[in-house]
Amino acid sequence: MMDVHHAKATNARLDYAMQHCAPHLYPVLLAVRDWPVGLLFVSQKSGRFSVPTDNKKKRAAVLLVGDDTTRSLGPNGFHTASLFAAIRNTDAFVIVAGAPSDEIYAAGAAVAVGGKNAMIVETRPRHEADWANLFGKLAPGRPVLLSTVKGGTA
C-alpha cells in the first residue's frame, strides 16, 4: 500500500494555489496547469511512491522531493526502492541546497514541459553531495543542476 496519494487538480485549484504559493513554486504549478505535466510531492519517511505516468497522454512529471524539513536526512530518508526507481526514470535533476529561487524551479519545470521527467530535491548543503552522487550512480550522464550556498559540499 502506498502512503502517497495521486489526485487530479482542477485549473481553479491550481489558479488558487498559484496565487498563494511561495514564488519558487509558481513555475512548477504553471507547468502543471498549462501543459501535460504531473506533480508528485514526496516527503521524508512517506513510504512507497511511484512516478505518476499516463502513457496515453505522454505526461511528464515533476517530482518534488522534500529533504529540507527541520532535519535533512539525505537519500536515506526516503523509501529506497521507490527512490531508486524514480531516479532511474528521471531525465534531469535539480538539487536545491540554498535559498529557493523561481529560476531554479523553472528549470526543472521546463524539463517536464519538454516531455521529460524532472526531479527537484530540496535539501541542506550537508546532503547535496549525497544526492548528486546517487544521481551519478543510478542515472549516469543525466544533467544535474545544483543551487547551493557559498562553500557547498557537492
Foldseek 3Di string as FASTA:
>chain_A
DFLFDDDDDALVRLVVCLVPDDLLCNLLSVLVNPALEAEGEAEFPSGADAADDDVVRLQAYEYEYEQAPPHRDAPVRYDVVRVLRRLLQAQEEEEEADDRDNVSSNVQSVCRRVSTYYYYYYHHLVHPVVVVVSSCVRPNPGYYHYHHDVPRDD
